């Protein structure tokens, strides 16, 4: 029986479990945790609607309850704006803590 592994395993799971011990308990530390969670939840919520929207959106910022999302096309921004109530409901259900009050869509590649 060999103790040698055939390939590397991802370290993300081990780091996630120990994150609370080394992350600062400051407001910035909490904000970084929330930001990571928002990115993960965004992929789940928008990905459930299909890859079209997910591939054409990028979460840019979260400030004072406003989530800013960059959209590659105006039609994507319009779709998210029309569906913002439903999207915000799903995001807030998946996230714990301070709720996201508004979804702001900007169009551009930058």
PDB file of N, CA and C in Angstrom:
ATOM      1  N   UNK A   1       0.844  -1.177   0.000  1.00  0.00           N
ATOM      2  CA  UNK A   1       0.000   0.000   0.000  1.00  0.00           C
ATOM      3  C   UNK A   1       0.891   1.243   0.000  1.00  0.00           C
ATOM      4  N   UNK A   2       0.661   2.117  -0.945  1.00  0.00           N
ATOM      5  CA  UNK A   2       1.496   3.301  -1.103  1.00  0.00           C
ATOM      6  C   UNK A   2       0.833   4.515  -0.463  1.00  0.00           C
ATOM      7  N   UNK A   3       1.619   5.346   0.179  1.00  0.00           N
ATOM      8  CA  UNK A   3       1.115   6.580   0.770  1.00  0.00           C
ATOM      9  C   UNK A   3       1.237   7.746  -0.197  1.00  0.00           C
ATOM     10  N   UNK A   4       1.765   7.495  -1.361  1.00  0.00           N
ATOM     11  CA  UNK A   4       1.963   8.526  -2.365  1.00  0.00           C
ATOM     12  C   UNK A   4       0.641   8.840  -3.067  1.00  0.00           C
ATOM     13  N   UNK A   5       0.306  10.109  -3.166  1.00  0.00           N
ATOM     14  CA  UNK A   5      -0.910  10.524  -3.877  1.00  0.00           C
ATOM     15  C   UNK A   5      -0.584  10.750  -5.349  1.00  0.00           C
ATOM     16  N   UNK A   6      -1.528  10.448  -6.192  1.00  0.00           N
ATOM     17  CA  UNK A   6      -1.308  10.590  -7.633  1.00  0.00           C
ATOM     18  C   UNK A   6      -1.374  12.039  -8.089  1.00  0.00           C
ATOM     19  N   UNK A   7      -2.090  12.871  -7.404  1.00  0.00           N
ATOM     20  CA  UNK A   7      -2.221  14.262  -7.825  1.00  0.00           C
ATOM     21  C   UNK A   7      -2.493  15.170  -6.643  1.00  0.00           C
ATOM     22  N   UNK A   8      -2.272  16.438  -6.819  1.00  0.00           N
ATOM     23  CA  UNK A   8      -2.524  17.376  -5.720  1.00  0.00           C
ATOM     24  C   UNK A   8      -4.016  17.548  -5.458  1.00  0.00           C
ATOM     25  N   UNK A   9      -4.340  17.860  -4.237  1.00  0.00           N
ATOM     26  CA  UNK A   9      -5.718  18.148  -3.870  1.00  0.00           C
ATOM     27  C   UNK A   9      -5.858  19.646  -3.632  1.00  0.00           C
ATOM     28  N   UNK A  10      -7.023  20.218  -3.898  1.00  0.00           N
ATOM     29  CA  UNK A  10      -7.220  21.651  -3.669  1.00  0.00           C
ATOM     30  C   UNK A  10      -7.060  21.994  -2.193  1.00  0.00           C
ATOM     31  N   UNK A  11      -6.448  23.126  -1.918  1.00  0.00           N
ATOM     32  CA  UNK A  11      -6.224  23.563  -0.552  1.00  0.00           C
ATOM     33  C   UNK A  11      -7.370  24.433  -0.032  1.00  0.00           C
ATOM     34  N   UNK A  12      -8.273  24.834  -0.913  1.00  0.00           N
ATOM     35  CA  UNK A  12      -9.344  25.756  -0.536  1.00  0.00           C
ATOM     36  C   UNK A  12     -10.176  25.251   0.639  1.00  0.00           C
ATOM     37  N   UNK A  13     -10.497  23.983   0.660  1.00  0.00           N
ATOM     38  CA  UNK A  13     -11.310  23.447   1.751  1.00  0.00           C
ATOM     39  C   UNK A  13     -10.626  23.561   3.096  1.00  0.00           C
ATOM     40  N   UNK A  14      -9.350  23.245   3.144  1.00  0.00           N
ATOM     41  CA  UNK A  14      -8.607  23.339   4.400  1.00  0.00           C
ATOM     42  C   UNK A  14      -8.470  24.787   4.857  1.00  0.00           C
ATOM     43  N   UNK A  15      -8.234  25.693   3.928  1.00  0.00           N
ATOM     44  CA  UNK A  15      -8.099  27.103   4.295  1.00  0.00           C
ATOM     45  C   UNK A  15      -9.416  27.699   4.760  1.00  0.00           C
ATOM     46  N   UNK A  16     -10.497  27.320   4.094  1.00  0.00           N
ATOM     47  CA  UNK A  16     -11.813  27.840   4.478  1.00  0.00           C
ATOM     48  C   UNK A  16     -12.147  27.467   5.918  1.00  0.00           C
ATOM     49  N   UNK A  17     -11.815  26.250   6.310  1.00  0.00           N
ATOM     50  CA  UNK A  17     -12.118  25.794   7.666  1.00  0.00           C
ATOM     51  C   UNK A  17     -11.314  26.554   8.709  1.00  0.00           C
ATOM     52  N   UNK A  18     -10.087  26.940   8.395  1.00  0.00           N
ATOM     53  CA  UNK A  18      -9.246  27.628   9.384  1.00  0.00           C
ATOM     54  C   UNK A  18      -9.280  29.144   9.248  1.00  0.00           C
ATOM     55  N   UNK A  19     -10.047  29.671   8.326  1.00  0.00           N
ATOM     56  CA  UNK A  19     -10.081  31.102   8.044  1.00  0.00           C
ATOM     57  C   UNK A  19     -10.475  31.946   9.254  1.00  0.00           C
ATOM     58  N   UNK A  20     -11.423  31.488  10.016  1.00  0.00           N
ATOM     59  CA  UNK A  20     -11.896  32.273  11.164  1.00  0.00           C
ATOM     60  C   UNK A  20     -10.785  32.521  12.174  1.00  0.00           C
ATOM     61  N   UNK A  21      -9.830  31.617  12.266  1.00  0.00           N
ATOM     62  CA  UNK A  21      -8.750  31.767  13.224  1.00  0.00           C
ATOM     63  C   UNK A  21      -7.726  32.815  12.856  1.00  0.00           C
ATOM     64  N   UNK A  22      -7.495  33.063  11.584  1.00  0.00           N
ATOM     65  CA  UNK A  22      -6.453  34.002  11.190  1.00  0.00           C
ATOM     66  C   UNK A  22      -6.974  35.277  10.553  1.00  0.00           C
ATOM     67  N   UNK A  23      -8.261  35.330  10.249  1.00  0.00           N
ATOM     68  CA  UNK A  23      -8.808  36.537   9.652  1.00  0.00           C
ATOM     69  C   UNK A  23      -9.077  37.575  10.730  1.00  0.00           C
ATOM     70  N   UNK A  24      -8.710  38.840  10.500  1.00  0.00           N
ATOM     71  CA  UNK A  24      -8.951  39.874  11.515  1.00  0.00           C
ATOM     72  C   UNK A  24     -10.440  40.039  11.797  1.00  0.00           C
ATOM     73  N   UNK A  25     -10.763  40.342  13.035  1.00  0.00           N
ATOM     74  CA  UNK A  25     -12.163  40.523  13.410  1.00  0.00           C
ATOM     75  C   UNK A  25     -12.621  41.955  13.166  1.00  0.00           C
ATOM     76  N   UNK A  26     -11.868  42.715  12.415  1.00  0.00           N
ATOM     77  CA  UNK A  26     -12.209  44.098  12.101  1.00  0.00           C
ATOM     78  C   UNK A  26     -13.328  44.153  11.064  1.00  0.00           C
ATOM     79  N   UNK A  27     -13.805  45.356  10.814  1.00  0.00           N
ATOM     80  CA  UNK A  27     -14.837  45.549   9.792  1.00  0.00           C
ATOM     81  C   UNK A  27     -14.312  45.139   8.419  1.00  0.00           C
ATOM     82  N   UNK A  28     -13.041  45.418   8.156  1.00  0.00           N
ATOM     83  CA  UNK A  28     -12.454  45.039   6.874  1.00  0.00           C
ATOM     84  C   UNK A  28     -12.401  43.517   6.725  1.00  0.00           C
ATOM     85  N   UNK A  29     -12.048  42.821   7.781  1.00  0.00           N
ATOM     86  CA  UNK A  29     -12.016  41.365   7.742  1.00  0.00           C
ATOM     87  C   UNK A  29     -13.387  40.784   7.464  1.00  0.00           C
ATOM     88  N   UNK A  30     -14.403  41.329   8.113  1.00  0.00           N
ATOM     89  CA  UNK A  30     -15.774  40.857   7.874  1.00  0.00           C
ATOM     90  C   UNK A  30     -16.200  41.172   6.439  1.00  0.00           C
ATOM     91  N   UNK A  31     -15.812  42.348   5.948  1.00  0.00           N
ATOM     92  CA  UNK A  31     -16.173  42.741   4.583  1.00  0.00           C
ATOM     93  C   UNK A  31     -15.543  41.805   3.563  1.00  0.00           C
ATOM     94  N   UNK A  32     -14.298  41.392   3.814  1.00  0.00           N
ATOM     95  CA  UNK A  32     -13.649  40.464   2.890  1.00  0.00           C
ATOM     96  C   UNK A  32     -14.352  39.119   2.871  1.00  0.00           C
ATOM     97  N   UNK A  33     -14.799  38.663   4.024  1.00  0.00           N
ATOM     98  CA  UNK A  33     -15.541  37.399   4.077  1.00  0.00           C
ATOM     99  C   UNK A  33     -16.848  37.509   3.311  1.00  0.00           C
ATOM    100  N   UNK A  34     -17.543  38.615   3.514  1.00  0.00           N
ATOM    101  CA  UNK A  34     -18.817  38.830   2.817  1.00  0.00           C
ATOM    102  C   UNK A  34     -18.579  38.894   1.314  1.00  0.00           C
ATOM    103  N   UNK A  35     -17.510  39.566   0.901  1.00  0.00           N
ATOM    104  CA  UNK A  35     -17.223  39.707  -0.528  1.00  0.00           C
ATOM    105  C   UNK A  35     -17.004  38.340  -1.180  1.00  0.00           C
ATOM    106  N   UNK A  36     -16.248  37.477  -0.517  1.00  0.00           N
ATOM    107  CA  UNK A  36     -16.031  36.127  -1.046  1.00  0.00           C
ATOM    108  C   UNK A  36     -17.351  35.373  -1.169  1.00  0.00           C
ATOM    109  N   UNK A  37     -18.179  35.530  -0.172  1.00  0.00           N
ATOM    110  CA  UNK A  37     -19.470  34.844  -0.164  1.00  0.00           C
ATOM    111  C   UNK A  37     -20.389  35.387  -1.259  1.00  0.00           C
ATOM    112  N   UNK A  38     -20.376  36.700  -1.474  1.00  0.00           N
ATOM    113  CA  UNK A  38     -21.208  37.305  -2.520  1.00  0.00           C
ATOM    114  C   UNK A  38     -20.820  36.750  -3.892  1.00  0.00           C
ATOM    115  N   UNK A  39     -19.534  36.643  -4.158  1.00  0.00           N
ATOM    116  CA  UNK A  39     -19.086  36.090  -5.441  1.00  0.00           C
ATOM    117  C   UNK A  39     -19.551  34.665  -5.648  1.00  0.00           C
ATOM    118  N   UNK A  40     -19.459  33.869  -4.596  1.00  0.00           N
ATOM    119  CA  UNK A  40     -19.891  32.469  -4.698  1.00  0.00           C
ATOM    120  C   UNK A  40     -21.403  32.385  -4.922  1.00  0.00           C
ATOM    121  N   UNK A  41     -22.149  33.147  -4.141  1.00  0.00           N
ATOM    122  CA  UNK A  41     -23.616  33.107  -4.239  1.00  0.00           C
ATOM    123  C   UNK A  41     -24.087  33.673  -5.573  1.00  0.00           C
ATOM    124  N   UNK A  42     -23.410  34.719  -6.069  1.00  0.00           N
ATOM    125  CA  UNK A  42     -23.776  35.284  -7.376  1.00  0.00           C
ATOM    126  C   UNK A  42     -23.684  34.203  -8.457  1.00  0.00           C
ATOM    127  N   UNK A  43     -22.608  33.443  -8.432  1.00  0.00           N
ATOM    128  CA  UNK A  43     -22.437  32.371  -9.417  1.00  0.00           C
ATOM    129  C   UNK A  43     -23.552  31.339  -9.323  1.00  0.00           C
ATOM    130  N   UNK A  44     -23.967  31.019  -8.110  1.00  0.00           N
ATOM    131  CA  UNK A  44     -25.038  30.038  -7.923  1.00  0.00           C
ATOM    132  C   UNK A  44     -26.382  30.589  -8.392  1.00  0.00           C
ATOM    133  N   UNK A  45     -26.715  31.811  -7.967  1.00  0.00           N
ATOM    134  CA  UNK A  45     -28.032  32.392  -8.268  1.00  0.00           C
ATOM    135  C   UNK A  45     -28.166  32.688  -9.756  1.00  0.00           C
ATOM    136  N   UNK A  46     -27.188  33.371 -10.325  1.00  0.00           N
ATOM    137  CA  UNK A  46     -27.270  33.731 -11.741  1.00  0.00           C
ATOM    138  C   UNK A  46     -27.008  32.507 -12.618  1.00  0.00           C
ATOM    139  N   UNK A  47     -26.144  31.630 -12.185  1.00  0.00           N
ATOM    140  CA  UNK A  47     -25.869  30.409 -12.935  1.00  0.00           C
ATOM    141  C   UNK A  47     -27.090  29.528 -13.072  1.00  0.00           C
ATOM    142  N   UNK A  48     -28.022  29.620 -12.120  1.00  0.00           N
ATOM    143  CA  UNK A  48     -29.260  28.844 -12.195  1.00  0.00           C
ATOM    144  C   UNK A  48     -30.127  29.288 -13.371  1.00  0.00           C
ATOM    145  N   UNK A  49     -29.913  30.518 -13.852  1.00  0.00           N
ATOM    146  CA  UNK A  49     -30.672  31.027 -15.000  1.00  0.00           C
ATOM    147  C   UNK A  49     -29.992  30.698 -16.319  1.00  0.00           C
ATOM    148  N   UNK A  50     -28.867  30.018 -16.253  1.00  0.00           N
ATOM    149  CA  UNK A  50     -28.150  29.632 -17.464  1.00  0.00           C
ATOM    150  C   UNK A  50     -26.825  30.355 -17.579  1.00  0.00           C
ATOM    151  N   UNK A  51     -25.958  29.835 -18.413  1.00  0.00           N
ATOM    152  CA  UNK A  51     -24.618  30.400 -18.532  1.00  0.00           C
ATOM    153  C   UNK A  51     -24.576  31.755 -19.246  1.00  0.00           C
ATOM    154  N   UNK A  52     -25.600  32.088 -20.006  1.00  0.00           N
ATOM    155  CA  UNK A  52     -25.582  33.348 -20.771  1.00  0.00           C
ATOM    156  C   UNK A  52     -25.357  34.549 -19.850  1.00  0.00           C
ATOM    157  N   UNK A  53     -26.170  34.672 -18.800  1.00  0.00           N
ATOM    158  CA  UNK A  53     -26.037  35.812 -17.885  1.00  0.00           C
ATOM    159  C   UNK A  53     -24.753  35.736 -17.064  1.00  0.00           C
ATOM    160  N   UNK A  54     -24.413  34.564 -16.611  1.00  0.00           N
ATOM    161  CA  UNK A  54     -23.231  34.402 -15.767  1.00  0.00           C
ATOM    162  C   UNK A  54     -21.954  34.779 -16.517  1.00  0.00           C
ATOM    163  N   UNK A  55     -21.849  34.388 -17.769  1.00  0.00           N
ATOM    164  CA  UNK A  55     -20.658  34.693 -18.562  1.00  0.00           C
ATOM    165  C   UNK A  55     -20.539  36.173 -18.899  1.00  0.00           C
ATOM    166  N   UNK A  56     -21.628  36.903 -18.842  1.00  0.00           N
ATOM    167  CA  UNK A  56     -21.638  38.303 -19.252  1.00  0.00           C
ATOM    168  C   UNK A  56     -21.747  39.279 -18.080  1.00  0.00           C
ATOM    169  N   UNK A  57     -21.585  38.782 -16.859  1.00  0.00           N
ATOM    170  CA  UNK A  57     -21.659  39.656 -15.685  1.00  0.00           C
ATOM    171  C   UNK A  57     -20.453  39.447 -14.772  1.00  0.00           C
ATOM    172  N   UNK A  58     -20.080  40.516 -14.088  1.00  0.00           N
ATOM    173  CA  UNK A  58     -19.008  40.471 -13.102  1.00  0.00           C
ATOM    174  C   UNK A  58     -19.436  41.313 -11.911  1.00  0.00           C
ATOM    175  N   UNK A  59     -19.357  40.746 -10.727  1.00  0.00           N
ATOM    176  CA  UNK A  59     -19.672  41.500  -9.515  1.00  0.00           C
ATOM    177  C   UNK A  59     -18.508  42.445  -9.260  1.00  0.00           C
ATOM    178  N   UNK A  60     -18.810  43.746  -9.151  1.00  0.00           N
ATOM    179  CA  UNK A  60     -17.773  44.768  -9.048  1.00  0.00           C
ATOM    180  C   UNK A  60     -17.583  45.251  -7.614  1.00  0.00           C
ATOM    181  N   UNK A  61     -18.688  45.585  -6.938  1.00  0.00           N
ATOM    182  CA  UNK A  61     -18.554  46.116  -5.581  1.00  0.00           C
ATOM    183  C   UNK A  61     -19.837  45.920  -4.788  1.00  0.00           C
ATOM    184  N   UNK A  62     -19.676  46.027  -3.483  1.00  0.00           N
ATOM    185  CA  UNK A  62     -20.807  45.999  -2.559  1.00  0.00           C
ATOM    186  C   UNK A  62     -20.562  47.087  -1.535  1.00  0.00           C
ATOM    187  N   UNK A  63     -21.347  48.146  -1.622  1.00  0.00           N
ATOM    188  CA  UNK A  63     -21.193  49.285  -0.716  1.00  0.00           C
ATOM    189  C   UNK A  63     -22.556  49.744  -0.235  1.00  0.00           C
ATOM    190  N   UNK A  64     -22.696  49.844   1.059  1.00  0.00           N
ATOM    191  CA  UNK A  64     -23.919  50.360   1.680  1.00  0.00           C
ATOM    192  C   UNK A  64     -25.173  49.664   1.167  1.00  0.00           C
ATOM    193  N   UNK A  65     -25.078  48.363   0.980  1.00  0.00           N
ATOM    194  CA  UNK A  65     -26.235  47.586   0.559  1.00  0.00           C
ATOM    195  C   UNK A  65     -26.528  47.619  -0.923  1.00  0.00           C
ATOM    196  N   UNK A  66     -25.652  48.241  -1.715  1.00  0.00           N
ATOM    197  CA  UNK A  66     -25.841  48.317  -3.166  1.00  0.00           C
ATOM    198  C   UNK A  66     -24.797  47.421  -3.833  1.00  0.00           C
ATOM    199  N   UNK A  67     -25.264  46.417  -4.547  1.00  0.00           N
ATOM    200  CA  UNK A  67     -24.385  45.503  -5.268  1.00  0.00           C
ATOM    201  C   UNK A  67     -24.267  45.991  -6.702  1.00  0.00           C
ATOM    202  N   UNK A  68     -23.051  46.344  -7.103  1.00  0.00           N
ATOM    203  CA  UNK A  68     -22.803  46.817  -8.467  1.00  0.00           C
ATOM    204  C   UNK A  68     -22.290  45.651  -9.304  1.00  0.00           C
ATOM    205  N   UNK A  69     -22.918  45.475 -10.457  1.00  0.00           N
ATOM    206  CA  UNK A  69     -22.586  44.387 -11.365  1.00  0.00           C
ATOM    207  C   UNK A  69     -22.272  44.985 -12.733  1.00  0.00           C
ATOM    208  N   UNK A  70     -21.127  44.600 -13.288  1.00  0.00           N
ATOM    209  CA  UNK A  70     -20.757  45.039 -14.632  1.00  0.00           C
ATOM    210  C   UNK A  70     -21.294  44.028 -15.635  1.00  0.00           C
ATOM    211  N   UNK A  71     -22.006  44.535 -16.632  1.00  0.00           N
ATOM    212  CA  UNK A  71     -22.593  43.696 -17.672  1.00  0.00           C
ATOM    213  C   UNK A  71     -21.916  44.011 -18.993  1.00  0.00           C
ATOM    214  N   UNK A  72     -21.653  42.991 -19.784  1.00  0.00           N
ATOM    215  CA  UNK A  72     -20.963  43.193 -21.062  1.00  0.00           C
ATOM    216  C   UNK A  72     -21.880  43.757 -22.138  1.00  0.00           C
ATOM    217  N   UNK A  73     -23.183  43.620 -21.942  1.00  0.00           N
ATOM    218  CA  UNK A  73     -24.145  44.071 -22.946  1.00  0.00           C
ATOM    219  C   UNK A  73     -25.322  44.758 -22.259  1.00  0.00           C
ATOM    220  N   UNK A  74     -25.904  45.731 -22.948  1.00  0.00           N
ATOM    221  CA  UNK A  74     -27.038  46.463 -22.400  1.00  0.00           C
ATOM    222  C   UNK A  74     -28.238  45.550 -22.156  1.00  0.00           C
ATOM    223  N   UNK A  75     -28.426  44.559 -23.021  1.00  0.00           N
ATOM    224  CA  UNK A  75     -29.568  43.657 -22.860  1.00  0.00           C
ATOM    225  C   UNK A  75     -29.435  42.851 -21.558  1.00  0.00           C
ATOM    226  N   UNK A  76     -28.224  42.516 -21.172  1.00  0.00           N
ATOM    227  CA  UNK A  76     -27.998  41.792 -19.917  1.00  0.00           C
ATOM    228  C   UNK A  76     -28.317  42.703 -18.730  1.00  0.00           C
ATOM    229  N   UNK A  77     -27.878  43.958 -18.807  1.00  0.00           N
ATOM    230  CA  UNK A  77     -28.176  44.917 -17.740  1.00  0.00           C
ATOM    231  C   UNK A  77     -29.679  45.133 -17.615  1.00  0.00           C
ATOM    232  N   UNK A  78     -30.370  45.247 -18.749  1.00  0.00           N
ATOM    233  CA  UNK A  78     -31.826  45.423 -18.721  1.00  0.00           C
ATOM    234  C   UNK A  78     -32.518  44.212 -18.110  1.00  0.00           C
ATOM    235  N   UNK A  79     -32.059  43.030 -18.471  1.00  0.00           N
ATOM    236  CA  UNK A  79     -32.647  41.807 -17.930  1.00  0.00           C
ATOM    237  C   UNK A  79     -32.469  41.742 -16.419  1.00  0.00           C
ATOM    238  N   UNK A  80     -31.265  42.034 -15.944  1.00  0.00           N
ATOM    239  CA  UNK A  80     -31.024  42.004 -14.495  1.00  0.00           C
ATOM    240  C   UNK A  80     -31.825  43.081 -13.772  1.00  0.00           C
ATOM    241  N   UNK A  81     -31.949  44.241 -14.392  1.00  0.00           N
ATOM    242  CA  UNK A  81     -32.732  45.317 -13.775  1.00  0.00           C
ATOM    243  C   UNK A  81     -34.191  44.901 -13.640  1.00  0.00           C
ATOM    244  N   UNK A  82     -34.746  44.293 -14.692  1.00  0.00           N
ATOM    245  CA  UNK A  82     -36.137  43.836 -14.644  1.00  0.00           C
ATOM    246  C   UNK A  82     -36.338  42.715 -13.628  1.00  0.00           C
ATOM    247  N   UNK A  83     -35.332  41.865 -13.480  1.00  0.00           N
ATOM    248  CA  UNK A  83     -35.416  40.726 -12.560  1.00  0.00           C
ATOM    249  C   UNK A  83     -34.763  41.017 -11.207  1.00  0.00           C
ATOM    250  N   UNK A  84     -34.427  42.272 -10.943  1.00  0.00           N
ATOM    251  CA  UNK A  84     -33.650  42.601  -9.745  1.00  0.00           C
ATOM    252  C   UNK A  84     -34.337  42.186  -8.443  1.00  0.00           C
ATOM    253  N   UNK A  85     -35.634  42.324  -8.369  1.00  0.00           N
ATOM    254  CA  UNK A  85     -36.335  41.940  -7.139  1.00  0.00           C
ATOM    255  C   UNK A  85     -36.175  40.447  -6.859  1.00  0.00           C
ATOM    256  N   UNK A  86     -36.323  39.651  -7.879  1.00  0.00           N
ATOM    257  CA  UNK A  86     -36.179  38.201  -7.743  1.00  0.00           C
ATOM    258  C   UNK A  86     -34.718  37.822  -7.443  1.00  0.00           C
ATOM    259  N   UNK A  87     -33.778  38.460  -8.141  1.00  0.00           N
ATOM    260  CA  UNK A  87     -32.352  38.179  -7.929  1.00  0.00           C
ATOM    261  C   UNK A  87     -31.941  38.580  -6.508  1.00  0.00           C
ATOM    262  N   UNK A  88     -32.366  39.755  -6.064  1.00  0.00           N
ATOM    263  CA  UNK A  88     -32.032  40.203  -4.706  1.00  0.00           C
ATOM    264  C   UNK A  88     -32.629  39.280  -3.653  1.00  0.00           C
ATOM    265  N   UNK A  89     -33.835  38.813  -3.889  1.00  0.00           N
ATOM    266  CA  UNK A  89     -34.450  37.876  -2.956  1.00  0.00           C
ATOM    267  C   UNK A  89     -33.643  36.592  -2.824  1.00  0.00           C
ATOM    268  N   UNK A  90     -33.191  36.062  -3.957  1.00  0.00           N
ATOM    269  CA  UNK A  90     -32.395  34.833  -3.939  1.00  0.00           C
ATOM    270  C   UNK A  90     -31.026  35.062  -3.310  1.00  0.00           C
ATOM    271  N   UNK A  91     -30.399  36.210  -3.607  1.00  0.00           N
ATOM    272  CA  UNK A  91     -29.101  36.521  -3.012  1.00  0.00           C
ATOM    273  C   UNK A  91     -29.212  36.662  -1.504  1.00  0.00           C
ATOM    274  N   UNK A  92     -30.191  37.425  -1.046  1.00  0.00           N
ATOM    275  CA  UNK A  92     -30.350  37.651   0.386  1.00  0.00           C
ATOM    276  C   UNK A  92     -30.737  36.384   1.133  1.00  0.00           C
ATOM    277  N   UNK A  93     -31.449  35.500   0.471  1.00  0.00           N
ATOM    278  CA  UNK A  93     -31.805  34.223   1.090  1.00  0.00           C
ATOM    279  C   UNK A  93     -30.557  33.363   1.301  1.00  0.00           C
ATOM    280  N   UNK A  94     -29.652  33.415   0.326  1.00  0.00           N
ATOM    281  CA  UNK A  94     -28.437  32.601   0.411  1.00  0.00           C
ATOM    282  C   UNK A  94     -27.369  33.215   1.316  1.00  0.00           C
ATOM    283  N   UNK A  95     -27.369  34.533   1.434  1.00  0.00           N
ATOM    284  CA  UNK A  95     -26.379  35.222   2.262  1.00  0.00           C
ATOM    285  C   UNK A  95     -26.927  35.452   3.660  1.00  0.00           C
ATOM    286  N   UNK A  96     -26.046  35.449   4.623  1.00  0.00           N
ATOM    287  CA  UNK A  96     -26.435  35.782   5.993  1.00  0.00           C
ATOM    288  C   UNK A  96     -25.814  37.121   6.342  1.00  0.00           C
ATOM    289  N   UNK A  97     -26.479  37.896   7.177  1.00  0.00           N
ATOM    290  CA  UNK A  97     -25.917  39.177   7.585  1.00  0.00           C
ATOM    291  C   UNK A  97     -26.648  40.329   6.929  1.00  0.00           C
ATOM    292  N   UNK A  98     -25.897  41.373   6.627  1.00  0.00           N
ATOM    293  CA  UNK A  98     -26.461  42.592   6.057  1.00  0.00           C
ATOM    294  C   UNK A  98     -27.051  42.310   4.683  1.00  0.00           C
ATOM    295  N   UNK A  99     -28.325  42.647   4.493  1.00  0.00           N
ATOM    296  CA  UNK A  99     -28.959  42.357   3.208  1.00  0.00           C
ATOM    297  C   UNK A  99     -28.514  43.324   2.109  1.00  0.00           C
ATOM    298  N   UNK A 100     -28.607  42.854   0.887  1.00  0.00           N
ATOM    299  CA  UNK A 100     -28.362  43.702  -0.272  1.00  0.00           C
ATOM    300  C   UNK A 100     -29.697  44.354  -0.607  1.00  0.00           C
ATOM    301  N   UNK A 101     -29.713  45.685  -0.628  1.00  0.00           N
ATOM    302  CA  UNK A 101     -30.963  46.411  -0.836  1.00  0.00           C
ATOM    303  C   UNK A 101     -31.248  46.724  -2.292  1.00  0.00           C
ATOM    304  N   UNK A 102     -30.157  46.885  -3.075  1.00  0.00           N
ATOM    305  CA  UNK A 102     -30.359  47.321  -4.460  1.00  0.00           C
ATOM    306  C   UNK A 102     -29.305  46.707  -5.364  1.00  0.00           C
ATOM    307  N   UNK A 103     -29.693  46.456  -6.599  1.00  0.00           N
ATOM    308  CA  UNK A 103     -28.795  45.934  -7.618  1.00  0.00           C
ATOM    309  C   UNK A 103     -28.558  47.042  -8.639  1.00  0.00           C
ATOM    310  N   UNK A 104     -27.313  47.397  -8.836  1.00  0.00           N
ATOM    311  CA  UNK A 104     -26.949  48.457  -9.782  1.00  0.00           C
ATOM    312  C   UNK A 104     -26.182  47.806 -10.934  1.00  0.00           C
ATOM    313  N   UNK A 105     -26.697  47.945 -12.144  1.00  0.00           N
ATOM    314  CA  UNK A 105     -26.069  47.344 -13.314  1.00  0.00           C
ATOM    315  C   UNK A 105     -25.394  48.428 -14.154  1.00  0.00           C
ATOM    316  N   UNK A 106     -24.136  48.216 -14.483  1.00  0.00           N
ATOM    317  CA  UNK A 106     -23.403  49.138 -15.356  1.00  0.00           C
ATOM    318  C   UNK A 106     -22.951  48.337 -16.564  1.00  0.00           C
ATOM    319  N   UNK A 107     -22.930  49.019 -17.717  1.00  0.00           N
ATOM    320  CA  UNK A 107     -22.541  48.360 -18.958  1.00  0.00           C
ATOM    321  C   UNK A 107     -21.133  48.812 -19.318  1.00  0.00           C
ATOM    322  N   UNK A 108     -20.296  47.852 -19.663  1.00  0.00           N
ATOM    323  CA  UNK A 108     -18.929  48.184 -20.075  1.00  0.00           C
ATOM    324  C   UNK A 108     -18.020  47.000 -19.898  1.00  0.00           C
ATOM    325  N   UNK A 109     -16.873  47.060 -20.528  1.00  0.00           N
ATOM    326  CA  UNK A 109     -15.938  45.954 -20.454  1.00  0.00           C
ATOM    327  C   UNK A 109     -14.863  46.164 -19.403  1.00  0.00           C
ATOM    328  N   UNK A 110     -14.785  47.306 -18.824  1.00  0.00           N
ATOM    329  CA  UNK A 110     -13.755  47.605 -17.849  1.00  0.00           C
ATOM    330  C   UNK A 110     -14.096  47.187 -16.502  1.00  0.00           C
TER     331      UNK A 110
END
